[in-house]
């Protein structure tokens, strides 16, 4: 009888040990959650993160605190999350650049943009625009290509820096159109926009969040968007691909956790995030900034991540672009 009782105790202890992770996950969240934004406060990514923070705080019953850890093209904050415990208490709002481009642009990267993260949900697509200064006598992509071909290496394009999304968009355009332009890299997107507005550079590929106010005021001309299909936010703007078939560069933001997050926790976060992104007030707020909210499962977002990491990694190497 004594032997059986001891055996029963051992079986019960083993059962409790096996159940402990599930019980712990069921209780999540038991404390505040940190949502890392790997860029400075004030941009569209930061605003989107704060919308998520507010919504998740309400639905999860624990504070979700946005923390900006900027620097090194997003690598500092992204590295912090890659090294965190996969317990759901450290999350990230990352982007196409941090997870698919930086791996090819920088040597000795401290993380792998695909393997070191759990994809939770794609959050949004940022309308990426092709704009020119009003002094450039063109009104569409076809005319612009002809204009540049008549002036090889004389037409300058601005970018937010070597290896930025702006740079990649323009380099891809040069390759597709068979033209050569002069690259003027700046330290950040704001000065690149301002110098294009001032006419010191002639063309810019940049997020609509930065260019559309100047288009509306007549200080820049919108020629096209760089996505595969026309943006619902700018239905009258043609795509570059309508002139150059195959040209496409879509800029997305997504929610991530460290690699190894429990599937149940990932699925719950995905559901809660998608509910926030469906709210009419959130759709309008982000839409007014040129940000189109999306909805995916973790699996769908993982496929997007893997596809773009392969696509842009190969393209960056082919074009010989580095950020160093």
C-alpha atoms as a PDB file:
ATOM      1  CA  UNK A   1       0.000   0.000   0.000  1.00  0.00           C
ATOM      2  CA  UNK A   2       2.855   2.305   0.903  1.00  0.00           C
ATOM      3  CA  UNK A   3       4.559   1.588  -2.411  1.00  0.00           C
ATOM      4  CA  UNK A   4       1.401   2.337  -4.347  1.00  0.00           C
ATOM      5  CA  UNK A   5       0.892   5.609  -2.481  1.00  0.00           C
ATOM      6  CA  UNK A   6       4.438   6.767  -3.263  1.00  0.00           C
ATOM      7  CA  UNK A   7       3.942   5.803  -6.894  1.00  0.00           C
ATOM      8  CA  UNK A   8       0.716   7.822  -6.933  1.00  0.00           C
ATOM      9  CA  UNK A   9       2.566  10.838  -5.560  1.00  0.00           C
ATOM     10  CA  UNK A  10       5.217  10.536  -8.256  1.00  0.00           C
ATOM     11  CA  UNK A  11       2.578  10.278 -10.981  1.00  0.00           C
ATOM     12  CA  UNK A  12       0.752  13.336  -9.622  1.00  0.00           C
ATOM     13  CA  UNK A  13       3.984  15.312  -9.423  1.00  0.00           C
ATOM     14  CA  UNK A  14       4.839  14.394 -13.004  1.00  0.00           C
ATOM     15  CA  UNK A  15       1.374  15.409 -14.149  1.00  0.00           C
ATOM     16  CA  UNK A  16       1.665  18.783 -12.444  1.00  0.00           C
ATOM     17  CA  UNK A  17       5.083  19.352 -13.993  1.00  0.00           C
ATOM     18  CA  UNK A  18       3.773  18.596 -17.464  1.00  0.00           C
ATOM     19  CA  UNK A  19       0.762  20.805 -16.919  1.00  0.00           C
ATOM     20  CA  UNK A  20       2.768  23.736 -15.557  1.00  0.00           C
ATOM     21  CA  UNK A  21       3.587  25.345 -18.932  1.00  0.00           C
ATOM     22  CA  UNK A  22      -0.048  25.158 -20.027  1.00  0.00           C
ATOM     23  CA  UNK A  23      -1.247  26.613 -16.748  1.00  0.00           C
ATOM     24  CA  UNK A  24       1.315  29.409 -17.038  1.00  0.00           C
ATOM     25  CA  UNK A  25       0.319  30.183 -20.617  1.00  0.00           C
ATOM     26  CA  UNK A  26      -3.366  30.138 -19.710  1.00  0.00           C
ATOM     27  CA  UNK A  27      -2.682  32.820 -17.101  1.00  0.00           C
ATOM     28  CA  UNK A  28      -0.826  35.061 -19.562  1.00  0.00           C
ATOM     29  CA  UNK A  29      -0.536  37.993 -19.269  1.00  0.00           C
ATOM     30  CA  UNK A  30       0.233  38.320 -15.567  1.00  0.00           C
ATOM     31  CA  UNK A  31       2.349  41.476 -15.871  1.00  0.00           C
ATOM     32  CA  UNK A  32       2.921  44.431 -18.252  1.00  0.00           C
ATOM     33  CA  UNK A  33       4.022  43.722 -21.831  1.00  0.00           C
ATOM     34  CA  UNK A  34       6.735  45.730 -23.601  1.00  0.00           C
ATOM     35  CA  UNK A  35       6.180  46.585 -27.265  1.00  0.00           C
ATOM     36  CA  UNK A  36       9.479  47.600 -28.852  1.00  0.00           C
ATOM     37  CA  UNK A  37       9.567  50.102 -31.716  1.00  0.00           C
ATOM     38  CA  UNK A  38      13.079  50.130 -33.231  1.00  0.00           C
ATOM     39  CA  UNK A  39      12.760  53.729 -34.450  1.00  0.00           C
ATOM     40  CA  UNK A  40      12.318  57.147 -32.872  1.00  0.00           C
ATOM     41  CA  UNK A  41       8.946  58.326 -31.587  1.00  0.00           C
ATOM     42  CA  UNK A  42       6.592  60.257 -33.843  1.00  0.00           C
ATOM     43  CA  UNK A  43       6.666  58.313 -37.108  1.00  0.00           C
ATOM     44  CA  UNK A  44       3.875  56.231 -38.599  1.00  0.00           C
ATOM     45  CA  UNK A  45       5.320  53.023 -37.120  1.00  0.00           C
ATOM     46  CA  UNK A  46       5.369  54.558 -33.664  1.00  0.00           C
ATOM     47  CA  UNK A  47       1.795  55.815 -34.048  1.00  0.00           C
ATOM     48  CA  UNK A  48       0.638  52.367 -35.207  1.00  0.00           C
ATOM     49  CA  UNK A  49       2.399  50.762 -32.233  1.00  0.00           C
ATOM     50  CA  UNK A  50       0.630  53.121 -29.828  1.00  0.00           C
ATOM     51  CA  UNK A  51      -2.740  52.284 -31.396  1.00  0.00           C
ATOM     52  CA  UNK A  52      -1.950  48.600 -30.807  1.00  0.00           C
ATOM     53  CA  UNK A  53      -0.741  49.346 -27.293  1.00  0.00           C
ATOM     54  CA  UNK A  54      -3.997  51.042 -26.364  1.00  0.00           C
ATOM     55  CA  UNK A  55      -6.153  48.292 -27.871  1.00  0.00           C
ATOM     56  CA  UNK A  56      -4.157  45.406 -26.396  1.00  0.00           C
ATOM     57  CA  UNK A  57      -4.110  47.029 -22.970  1.00  0.00           C
ATOM     58  CA  UNK A  58      -7.902  47.044 -23.016  1.00  0.00           C
ATOM     59  CA  UNK A  59      -8.347  43.515 -24.363  1.00  0.00           C
ATOM     60  CA  UNK A  60      -5.602  41.769 -22.369  1.00  0.00           C
ATOM     61  CA  UNK A  61      -6.135  43.550 -19.063  1.00  0.00           C
ATOM     62  CA  UNK A  62      -2.450  44.388 -18.608  1.00  0.00           C
ATOM     63  CA  UNK A  63      -0.512  47.506 -19.654  1.00  0.00           C
ATOM     64  CA  UNK A  64       1.212  47.231 -23.035  1.00  0.00           C
ATOM     65  CA  UNK A  65       4.016  49.776 -22.928  1.00  0.00           C
ATOM     66  CA  UNK A  66       5.636  51.141 -26.095  1.00  0.00           C
ATOM     67  CA  UNK A  67       9.393  51.502 -25.805  1.00  0.00           C
ATOM     68  CA  UNK A  68      11.415  53.196 -28.554  1.00  0.00           C
ATOM     69  CA  UNK A  69      14.876  51.657 -29.024  1.00  0.00           C
ATOM     70  CA  UNK A  70      16.147  53.372 -32.158  1.00  0.00           C
ATOM     71  CA  UNK A  71      19.466  53.249 -33.963  1.00  0.00           C
ATOM     72  CA  UNK A  72      21.428  51.316 -36.589  1.00  0.00           C
ATOM     73  CA  UNK A  73      18.528  51.256 -39.074  1.00  0.00           C
ATOM     74  CA  UNK A  74      16.300  49.494 -36.568  1.00  0.00           C
ATOM     75  CA  UNK A  75      18.861  46.833 -35.651  1.00  0.00           C
ATOM     76  CA  UNK A  76      19.267  47.881 -32.001  1.00  0.00           C
ATOM     77  CA  UNK A  77      15.643  47.450 -30.979  1.00  0.00           C
ATOM     78  CA  UNK A  78      15.199  44.396 -33.180  1.00  0.00           C
ATOM     79  CA  UNK A  79      18.227  42.693 -31.602  1.00  0.00           C
ATOM     80  CA  UNK A  80      16.791  43.357 -28.143  1.00  0.00           C
ATOM     81  CA  UNK A  81      13.634  41.419 -29.017  1.00  0.00           C
ATOM     82  CA  UNK A  82      15.540  38.592 -30.724  1.00  0.00           C
ATOM     83  CA  UNK A  83      17.407  37.996 -27.447  1.00  0.00           C
ATOM     84  CA  UNK A  84      14.342  38.229 -25.185  1.00  0.00           C
ATOM     85  CA  UNK A  85      12.488  35.282 -23.649  1.00  0.00           C
ATOM     86  CA  UNK A  86       9.697  33.950 -25.896  1.00  0.00           C
ATOM     87  CA  UNK A  87       7.126  34.340 -23.135  1.00  0.00           C
ATOM     88  CA  UNK A  88       4.914  36.982 -24.741  1.00  0.00           C
ATOM     89  CA  UNK A  89       6.125  39.844 -22.571  1.00  0.00           C
ATOM     90  CA  UNK A  90       8.498  41.370 -25.154  1.00  0.00           C
ATOM     91  CA  UNK A  91       7.056  42.090 -28.599  1.00  0.00           C
ATOM     92  CA  UNK A  92       8.198  44.073 -31.638  1.00  0.00           C
ATOM     93  CA  UNK A  93       6.731  46.208 -34.381  1.00  0.00           C
ATOM     94  CA  UNK A  94       9.183  45.449 -37.172  1.00  0.00           C
ATOM     95  CA  UNK A  95       9.265  46.149 -40.877  1.00  0.00           C
ATOM     96  CA  UNK A  96      10.265  44.844 -44.249  1.00  0.00           C
ATOM     97  CA  UNK A  97      13.612  46.597 -43.837  1.00  0.00           C
ATOM     98  CA  UNK A  98      14.499  45.206 -40.394  1.00  0.00           C
ATOM     99  CA  UNK A  99      13.557  41.630 -41.253  1.00  0.00           C
ATOM    100  CA  UNK A 100      14.257  41.162 -44.971  1.00  0.00           C
ATOM    101  CA  UNK A 101      16.715  43.852 -46.108  1.00  0.00           C
ATOM    102  CA  UNK A 102      19.156  44.474 -43.272  1.00  0.00           C
ATOM    103  CA  UNK A 103      20.416  40.888 -43.355  1.00  0.00           C
ATOM    104  CA  UNK A 104      21.794  41.514 -46.851  1.00  0.00           C
ATOM    105  CA  UNK A 105      22.853  45.117 -46.253  1.00  0.00           C
ATOM    106  CA  UNK A 106      24.973  44.670 -43.108  1.00  0.00           C
ATOM    107  CA  UNK A 107      27.809  42.290 -42.304  1.00  0.00           C
ATOM    108  CA  UNK A 108      27.972  40.561 -38.908  1.00  0.00           C
ATOM    109  CA  UNK A 109      24.269  40.944 -38.184  1.00  0.00           C
ATOM    110  CA  UNK A 110      23.398  40.024 -34.569  1.00  0.00           C
ATOM    111  CA  UNK A 111      20.155  38.327 -35.591  1.00  0.00           C
ATOM    112  CA  UNK A 112      18.459  36.477 -38.435  1.00  0.00           C
ATOM    113  CA  UNK A 113      15.317  38.327 -39.503  1.00  0.00           C
ATOM    114  CA  UNK A 114      13.444  35.093 -40.182  1.00  0.00           C
ATOM    115  CA  UNK A 115      14.857  32.414 -37.869  1.00  0.00           C
ATOM    116  CA  UNK A 116      15.142  34.491 -34.679  1.00  0.00           C
ATOM    117  CA  UNK A 117      11.521  35.677 -34.573  1.00  0.00           C
ATOM    118  CA  UNK A 118       7.968  34.434 -34.275  1.00  0.00           C
ATOM    119  CA  UNK A 119       5.773  36.163 -36.889  1.00  0.00           C
ATOM    120  CA  UNK A 120       2.496  37.154 -35.220  1.00  0.00           C
ATOM    121  CA  UNK A 121       0.660  39.309 -37.767  1.00  0.00           C
ATOM    122  CA  UNK A 122       1.263  41.581 -40.706  1.00  0.00           C
ATOM    123  CA  UNK A 123      -0.048  44.952 -39.578  1.00  0.00           C
ATOM    124  CA  UNK A 124      -0.030  47.286 -42.549  1.00  0.00           C
ATOM    125  CA  UNK A 125       1.219  48.240 -45.973  1.00  0.00           C
ATOM    126  CA  UNK A 126       2.651  51.713 -46.367  1.00  0.00           C
ATOM    127  CA  UNK A 127       1.854  53.298 -49.712  1.00  0.00           C
ATOM    128  CA  UNK A 128       5.247  53.857 -51.326  1.00  0.00           C
ATOM    129  CA  UNK A 129       5.206  56.710 -53.839  1.00  0.00           C
ATOM    130  CA  UNK A 130       7.301  57.917 -56.764  1.00  0.00           C
ATOM    131  CA  UNK A 131       7.316  61.724 -56.794  1.00  0.00           C
ATOM    132  CA  UNK A 132       9.190  64.407 -58.725  1.00  0.00           C
ATOM    133  CA  UNK A 133       9.808  68.105 -58.272  1.00  0.00           C
ATOM    134  CA  UNK A 134       7.289  70.236 -60.254  1.00  0.00           C
ATOM    135  CA  UNK A 135      10.115  71.601 -62.411  1.00  0.00           C
ATOM    136  CA  UNK A 136      10.601  68.152 -63.965  1.00  0.00           C
ATOM    137  CA  UNK A 137       8.513  68.358 -67.181  1.00  0.00           C
ATOM    138  CA  UNK A 138       6.882  64.927 -66.962  1.00  0.00           C
ATOM    139  CA  UNK A 139       3.480  63.667 -65.848  1.00  0.00           C
ATOM    140  CA  UNK A 140       3.883  59.905 -65.840  1.00  0.00           C
ATOM    141  CA  UNK A 141       6.449  57.123 -65.531  1.00  0.00           C
ATOM    142  CA  UNK A 142       6.881  56.666 -69.295  1.00  0.00           C
ATOM    143  CA  UNK A 143       7.725  60.346 -69.774  1.00  0.00           C
ATOM    144  CA  UNK A 144      10.085  60.246 -66.803  1.00  0.00           C
ATOM    145  CA  UNK A 145      12.023  57.314 -68.263  1.00  0.00           C
ATOM    146  CA  UNK A 146      12.466  59.194 -71.543  1.00  0.00           C
ATOM    147  CA  UNK A 147      13.512  62.309 -69.606  1.00  0.00           C
ATOM    148  CA  UNK A 148      16.216  60.390 -67.700  1.00  0.00           C
ATOM    149  CA  UNK A 149      17.492  58.594 -70.820  1.00  0.00           C
ATOM    150  CA  UNK A 150      18.140  61.991 -72.398  1.00  0.00           C
ATOM    151  CA  UNK A 151      20.142  63.005 -69.288  1.00  0.00           C
ATOM    152  CA  UNK A 152      22.225  60.005 -68.147  1.00  0.00           C
ATOM    153  CA  UNK A 153      23.646  60.444 -64.633  1.00  0.00           C
ATOM    154  CA  UNK A 154      22.245  63.991 -64.489  1.00  0.00           C
ATOM    155  CA  UNK A 155      18.922  63.324 -62.745  1.00  0.00           C
ATOM    156  CA  UNK A 156      19.388  62.988 -58.989  1.00  0.00           C
ATOM    157  CA  UNK A 157      17.275  60.932 -56.619  1.00  0.00           C
ATOM    158  CA  UNK A 158      17.243  61.390 -52.865  1.00  0.00           C
ATOM    159  CA  UNK A 159      17.123  58.644 -50.265  1.00  0.00           C
ATOM    160  CA  UNK A 160      17.045  58.281 -46.497  1.00  0.00           C
ATOM    161  CA  UNK A 161      20.506  56.740 -46.678  1.00  0.00           C
ATOM    162  CA  UNK A 162      22.618  54.045 -48.261  1.00  0.00           C
ATOM    163  CA  UNK A 163      20.629  50.806 -48.278  1.00  0.00           C
ATOM    164  CA  UNK A 164      17.325  52.414 -47.313  1.00  0.00           C
ATOM    165  CA  UNK A 165      13.972  51.424 -48.801  1.00  0.00           C
ATOM    166  CA  UNK A 166      14.126  54.632 -50.872  1.00  0.00           C
ATOM    167  CA  UNK A 167      17.500  53.595 -52.245  1.00  0.00           C
ATOM    168  CA  UNK A 168      16.335  50.069 -53.072  1.00  0.00           C
ATOM    169  CA  UNK A 169      13.164  51.372 -54.766  1.00  0.00           C
ATOM    170  CA  UNK A 170      15.181  53.693 -57.006  1.00  0.00           C
ATOM    171  CA  UNK A 171      17.880  51.113 -57.775  1.00  0.00           C
ATOM    172  CA  UNK A 172      15.196  48.615 -58.744  1.00  0.00           C
ATOM    173  CA  UNK A 173      13.621  51.284 -60.973  1.00  0.00           C
ATOM    174  CA  UNK A 174      16.962  51.955 -62.695  1.00  0.00           C
ATOM    175  CA  UNK A 175      17.366  48.236 -63.368  1.00  0.00           C
ATOM    176  CA  UNK A 176      13.820  47.790 -64.697  1.00  0.00           C
ATOM    177  CA  UNK A 177      13.868  50.942 -66.857  1.00  0.00           C
ATOM    178  CA  UNK A 178      17.440  50.623 -68.101  1.00  0.00           C
ATOM    179  CA  UNK A 179      18.395  54.102 -66.884  1.00  0.00           C
ATOM    180  CA  UNK A 180      21.102  55.555 -64.678  1.00  0.00           C
ATOM    181  CA  UNK A 181      20.508  58.280 -62.092  1.00  0.00           C
ATOM    182  CA  UNK A 182      22.658  59.964 -59.462  1.00  0.00           C
ATOM    183  CA  UNK A 183      22.066  58.802 -55.869  1.00  0.00           C
ATOM    184  CA  UNK A 184      22.112  61.450 -53.129  1.00  0.00           C
ATOM    185  CA  UNK A 185      21.839  59.721 -49.715  1.00  0.00           C
ATOM    186  CA  UNK A 186      20.726  61.712 -46.667  1.00  0.00           C
ATOM    187  CA  UNK A 187      20.646  60.937 -42.964  1.00  0.00           C
ATOM    188  CA  UNK A 188      16.962  60.151 -42.701  1.00  0.00           C
ATOM    189  CA  UNK A 189      13.794  60.513 -44.717  1.00  0.00           C
ATOM    190  CA  UNK A 190      12.887  64.064 -43.702  1.00  0.00           C
ATOM    191  CA  UNK A 191      15.912  65.824 -45.280  1.00  0.00           C
ATOM    192  CA  UNK A 192      15.526  63.688 -48.419  1.00  0.00           C
ATOM    193  CA  UNK A 193      11.949  64.900 -48.809  1.00  0.00           C
ATOM    194  CA  UNK A 194      12.838  68.517 -48.062  1.00  0.00           C
ATOM    195  CA  UNK A 195      15.629  68.632 -50.648  1.00  0.00           C
ATOM    196  CA  UNK A 196      13.316  67.155 -53.279  1.00  0.00           C
ATOM    197  CA  UNK A 197      10.709  69.780 -52.388  1.00  0.00           C
ATOM    198  CA  UNK A 198      13.436  72.423 -52.723  1.00  0.00           C
ATOM    199  CA  UNK A 199      14.452  71.077 -56.151  1.00  0.00           C
ATOM    200  CA  UNK A 200      17.976  70.086 -55.169  1.00  0.00           C
ATOM    201  CA  UNK A 201      17.069  66.527 -56.164  1.00  0.00           C
ATOM    202  CA  UNK A 202      14.565  65.713 -58.874  1.00  0.00           C
ATOM    203  CA  UNK A 203      12.923  62.406 -57.897  1.00  0.00           C
ATOM    204  CA  UNK A 204      12.166  60.489 -54.722  1.00  0.00           C
ATOM    205  CA  UNK A 205      10.709  57.087 -53.901  1.00  0.00           C
ATOM    206  CA  UNK A 206       9.254  57.388 -50.426  1.00  0.00           C
ATOM    207  CA  UNK A 207       6.347  56.536 -48.161  1.00  0.00           C
ATOM    208  CA  UNK A 208       3.176  58.477 -48.795  1.00  0.00           C
ATOM    209  CA  UNK A 209       3.197  59.448 -45.137  1.00  0.00           C
ATOM    210  CA  UNK A 210       6.122  61.738 -46.019  1.00  0.00           C
ATOM    211  CA  UNK A 211       5.289  62.806 -49.575  1.00  0.00           C
ATOM    212  CA  UNK A 212       1.512  63.168 -49.855  1.00  0.00           C
ATOM    213  CA  UNK A 213       1.223  66.414 -47.845  1.00  0.00           C
ATOM    214  CA  UNK A 214       3.649  67.996 -50.327  1.00  0.00           C
ATOM    215  CA  UNK A 215       1.753  66.504 -53.282  1.00  0.00           C
ATOM    216  CA  UNK A 216      -1.460  68.016 -51.954  1.00  0.00           C
ATOM    217  CA  UNK A 217       0.198  71.427 -51.586  1.00  0.00           C
ATOM    218  CA  UNK A 218       1.615  71.282 -55.135  1.00  0.00           C
ATOM    219  CA  UNK A 219       5.241  71.117 -54.031  1.00  0.00           C
ATOM    220  CA  UNK A 220       5.715  67.612 -55.466  1.00  0.00           C
ATOM    221  CA  UNK A 221       4.146  65.690 -58.366  1.00  0.00           C
ATOM    222  CA  UNK A 222       2.936  62.144 -57.827  1.00  0.00           C
ATOM    223  CA  UNK A 223       3.790  59.857 -60.749  1.00  0.00           C
ATOM    224  CA  UNK A 224       3.025  56.399 -59.359  1.00  0.00           C
ATOM    225  CA  UNK A 225       3.001  53.973 -56.447  1.00  0.00           C
ATOM    226  CA  UNK A 226       5.442  51.074 -56.220  1.00  0.00           C
ATOM    227  CA  UNK A 227       3.099  48.299 -55.070  1.00  0.00           C
ATOM    228  CA  UNK A 228       1.984  45.501 -57.380  1.00  0.00           C
ATOM    229  CA  UNK A 229      -1.591  46.830 -57.453  1.00  0.00           C
ATOM    230  CA  UNK A 230      -3.077  50.300 -57.120  1.00  0.00           C
ATOM    231  CA  UNK A 231      -3.517  51.424 -53.545  1.00  0.00           C
ATOM    232  CA  UNK A 232      -7.106  51.714 -52.250  1.00  0.00           C
ATOM    233  CA  UNK A 233      -5.869  54.884 -50.554  1.00  0.00           C
ATOM    234  CA  UNK A 234      -4.760  56.389 -53.909  1.00  0.00           C
ATOM    235  CA  UNK A 235      -6.963  54.665 -56.511  1.00  0.00           C
ATOM    236  CA  UNK A 236      -6.174  57.199 -59.248  1.00  0.00           C
ATOM    237  CA  UNK A 237      -2.410  56.782 -58.932  1.00  0.00           C
ATOM    238  CA  UNK A 238      -1.006  54.238 -61.421  1.00  0.00           C
ATOM    239  CA  UNK A 239       1.564  51.663 -60.394  1.00  0.00           C
ATOM    240  CA  UNK A 240       5.104  51.722 -61.739  1.00  0.00           C
ATOM    241  CA  UNK A 241       4.362  48.191 -62.972  1.00  0.00           C
ATOM    242  CA  UNK A 242       1.759  49.521 -65.399  1.00  0.00           C
ATOM    243  CA  UNK A 243       4.723  50.932 -67.347  1.00  0.00           C
ATOM    244  CA  UNK A 244       7.425  48.514 -66.183  1.00  0.00           C
ATOM    245  CA  UNK A 245       5.821  45.063 -65.753  1.00  0.00           C
ATOM    246  CA  UNK A 246       7.348  43.132 -62.880  1.00  0.00           C
ATOM    247  CA  UNK A 247       8.428  46.186 -60.891  1.00  0.00           C
ATOM    248  CA  UNK A 248       7.136  45.916 -57.334  1.00  0.00           C
ATOM    249  CA  UNK A 249       8.245  47.013 -53.902  1.00  0.00           C
ATOM    250  CA  UNK A 250       5.763  46.791 -51.037  1.00  0.00           C
ATOM    251  CA  UNK A 251       6.662  48.189 -47.626  1.00  0.00           C
ATOM    252  CA  UNK A 252       5.010  46.374 -44.732  1.00  0.00           C
ATOM    253  CA  UNK A 253       5.008  46.517 -40.952  1.00  0.00           C
ATOM    254  CA  UNK A 254       4.431  43.489 -38.751  1.00  0.00           C
ATOM    255  CA  UNK A 255       4.166  42.271 -35.165  1.00  0.00           C
ATOM    256  CA  UNK A 256       6.817  39.822 -33.957  1.00  0.00           C
ATOM    257  CA  UNK A 257       7.943  38.005 -30.855  1.00  0.00           C
ATOM    258  CA  UNK A 258      11.189  36.153 -30.176  1.00  0.00           C
ATOM    259  CA  UNK A 259      11.568  32.740 -31.809  1.00  0.00           C
ATOM    260  CA  UNK A 260       9.939  29.905 -29.897  1.00  0.00           C
ATOM    261  CA  UNK A 261       6.772  31.592 -28.666  1.00  0.00           C
ATOM    262  CA  UNK A 262       4.017  29.055 -27.821  1.00  0.00           C
ATOM    263  CA  UNK A 263       1.569  28.665 -30.737  1.00  0.00           C
ATOM    264  CA  UNK A 264      -1.467  29.278 -28.490  1.00  0.00           C
ATOM    265  CA  UNK A 265      -0.020  32.575 -27.295  1.00  0.00           C
ATOM    266  CA  UNK A 266       0.870  33.612 -30.845  1.00  0.00           C
ATOM    267  CA  UNK A 267      -2.640  32.750 -32.045  1.00  0.00           C
ATOM    268  CA  UNK A 268      -4.237  34.769 -29.251  1.00  0.00           C
ATOM    269  CA  UNK A 269      -2.131  37.827 -30.004  1.00  0.00           C
ATOM    270  CA  UNK A 270      -2.950  37.470 -33.688  1.00  0.00           C
ATOM    271  CA  UNK A 271      -6.693  37.439 -32.950  1.00  0.00           C
ATOM    272  CA  UNK A 272      -6.498  40.443 -30.630  1.00  0.00           C
ATOM    273  CA  UNK A 273      -4.370  42.452 -33.071  1.00  0.00           C
ATOM    274  CA  UNK A 274      -6.633  41.711 -36.038  1.00  0.00           C
ATOM    275  CA  UNK A 275      -9.660  42.873 -34.043  1.00  0.00           C
ATOM    276  CA  UNK A 276      -7.916  46.207 -33.394  1.00  0.00           C
ATOM    277  CA  UNK A 277      -6.963  46.601 -37.063  1.00  0.00           C
ATOM    278  CA  UNK A 278     -10.609  46.131 -38.094  1.00  0.00           C
ATOM    279  CA  UNK A 279     -11.869  49.058 -36.012  1.00  0.00           C
ATOM    280  CA  UNK A 280     -13.234  51.858 -38.259  1.00  0.00           C
ATOM    281  CA  UNK A 281     -11.556  54.589 -36.189  1.00  0.00           C
ATOM    282  CA  UNK A 282      -8.178  52.854 -36.489  1.00  0.00           C
ATOM    283  CA  UNK A 283      -8.627  52.263 -40.233  1.00  0.00           C
ATOM    284  CA  UNK A 284      -9.402  55.968 -40.760  1.00  0.00           C
ATOM    285  CA  UNK A 285      -6.606  57.249 -38.529  1.00  0.00           C
ATOM    286  CA  UNK A 286      -3.935  55.182 -40.257  1.00  0.00           C
ATOM    287  CA  UNK A 287      -5.496  55.593 -43.716  1.00  0.00           C
ATOM    288  CA  UNK A 288      -5.228  59.382 -43.389  1.00  0.00           C
ATOM    289  CA  UNK A 289      -1.471  58.824 -43.030  1.00  0.00           C
ATOM    290  CA  UNK A 290      -1.208  56.621 -46.119  1.00  0.00           C
ATOM    291  CA  UNK A 291      -1.116  53.382 -44.123  1.00  0.00           C
ATOM    292  CA  UNK A 292      -3.334  50.513 -45.315  1.00  0.00           C
ATOM    293  CA  UNK A 293      -4.112  48.051 -42.509  1.00  0.00           C
ATOM    294  CA  UNK A 294      -4.028  44.342 -43.326  1.00  0.00           C
ATOM    295  CA  UNK A 295      -5.123  41.034 -41.787  1.00  0.00           C
ATOM    296  CA  UNK A 296      -3.155  37.768 -41.833  1.00  0.00           C
ATOM    297  CA  UNK A 297      -2.741  34.607 -39.812  1.00  0.00           C
ATOM    298  CA  UNK A 298       0.685  33.941 -38.263  1.00  0.00           C
ATOM    299  CA  UNK A 299       1.265  31.317 -40.960  1.00  0.00           C
ATOM    300  CA  UNK A 300       0.414  33.725 -43.786  1.00  0.00           C
ATOM    301  CA  UNK A 301       2.681  36.391 -42.347  1.00  0.00           C
ATOM    302  CA  UNK A 302       5.474  33.837 -41.988  1.00  0.00           C
ATOM    303  CA  UNK A 303       5.155  33.042 -45.691  1.00  0.00           C
ATOM    304  CA  UNK A 304       5.332  36.759 -46.583  1.00  0.00           C
ATOM    305  CA  UNK A 305       8.403  37.136 -44.385  1.00  0.00           C
ATOM    306  CA  UNK A 306      10.245  34.180 -45.921  1.00  0.00           C
ATOM    307  CA  UNK A 307       9.311  35.212 -49.471  1.00  0.00           C
ATOM    308  CA  UNK A 308      10.504  38.800 -49.075  1.00  0.00           C
ATOM    309  CA  UNK A 309      13.687  37.848 -47.229  1.00  0.00           C
ATOM    310  CA  UNK A 310      14.638  35.676 -50.194  1.00  0.00           C
ATOM    311  CA  UNK A 311      13.489  38.218 -52.807  1.00  0.00           C
ATOM    312  CA  UNK A 312      15.138  41.333 -51.386  1.00  0.00           C
ATOM    313  CA  UNK A 313      18.226  39.501 -50.168  1.00  0.00           C
ATOM    314  CA  UNK A 314      18.940  38.329 -53.722  1.00  0.00           C
ATOM    315  CA  UNK A 315      18.086  41.737 -55.203  1.00  0.00           C
ATOM    316  CA  UNK A 316      20.362  43.659 -52.843  1.00  0.00           C
ATOM    317  CA  UNK A 317      23.286  41.363 -53.609  1.00  0.00           C
ATOM    318  CA  UNK A 318      22.581  41.527 -57.343  1.00  0.00           C
ATOM    319  CA  UNK A 319      22.542  45.335 -57.276  1.00  0.00           C
ATOM    320  CA  UNK A 320      25.631  45.474 -55.078  1.00  0.00           C
ATOM    321  CA  UNK A 321      23.988  47.673 -52.437  1.00  0.00           C
ATOM    322  CA  UNK A 322      25.444  47.878 -48.929  1.00  0.00           C
ATOM    323  CA  UNK A 323      24.685  50.088 -45.955  1.00  0.00           C
ATOM    324  CA  UNK A 324      28.292  50.260 -44.800  1.00  0.00           C
END
